[in-house]
């Protein structure tokens, strides 16, 4: 039995620390995947620029064209022009109130 001042021995856990080469390799792979996604999906969908011709194949070229058409269209006014619109009812907050007691 252990005395109160003695602590049980803990097994040492050895952890493998990645080498600089492994970190550089993982960083390079992540950078390659990011650039590939940029050219395959982001540029064709956002800007309509498809240097690898994947935008039309994946149907992403139409997204950029639709955004340009919507940006040029005039918005339809649903409410009267102006900052303030009169409401039919008084706005209420459905949050419980907590009374604050002063000391």
Foldseek 3Di string as FASTA:
>chain_A
DDDPVDDDDDDDDDDDDDDPVVVVVVVVVVVVVVVVCCQQAVCQQQPVDHPPPNCVVVVRNVNNVVVVVVVPDDDDDPADDDDDDDDPDDDDDPDDDDDDDDD
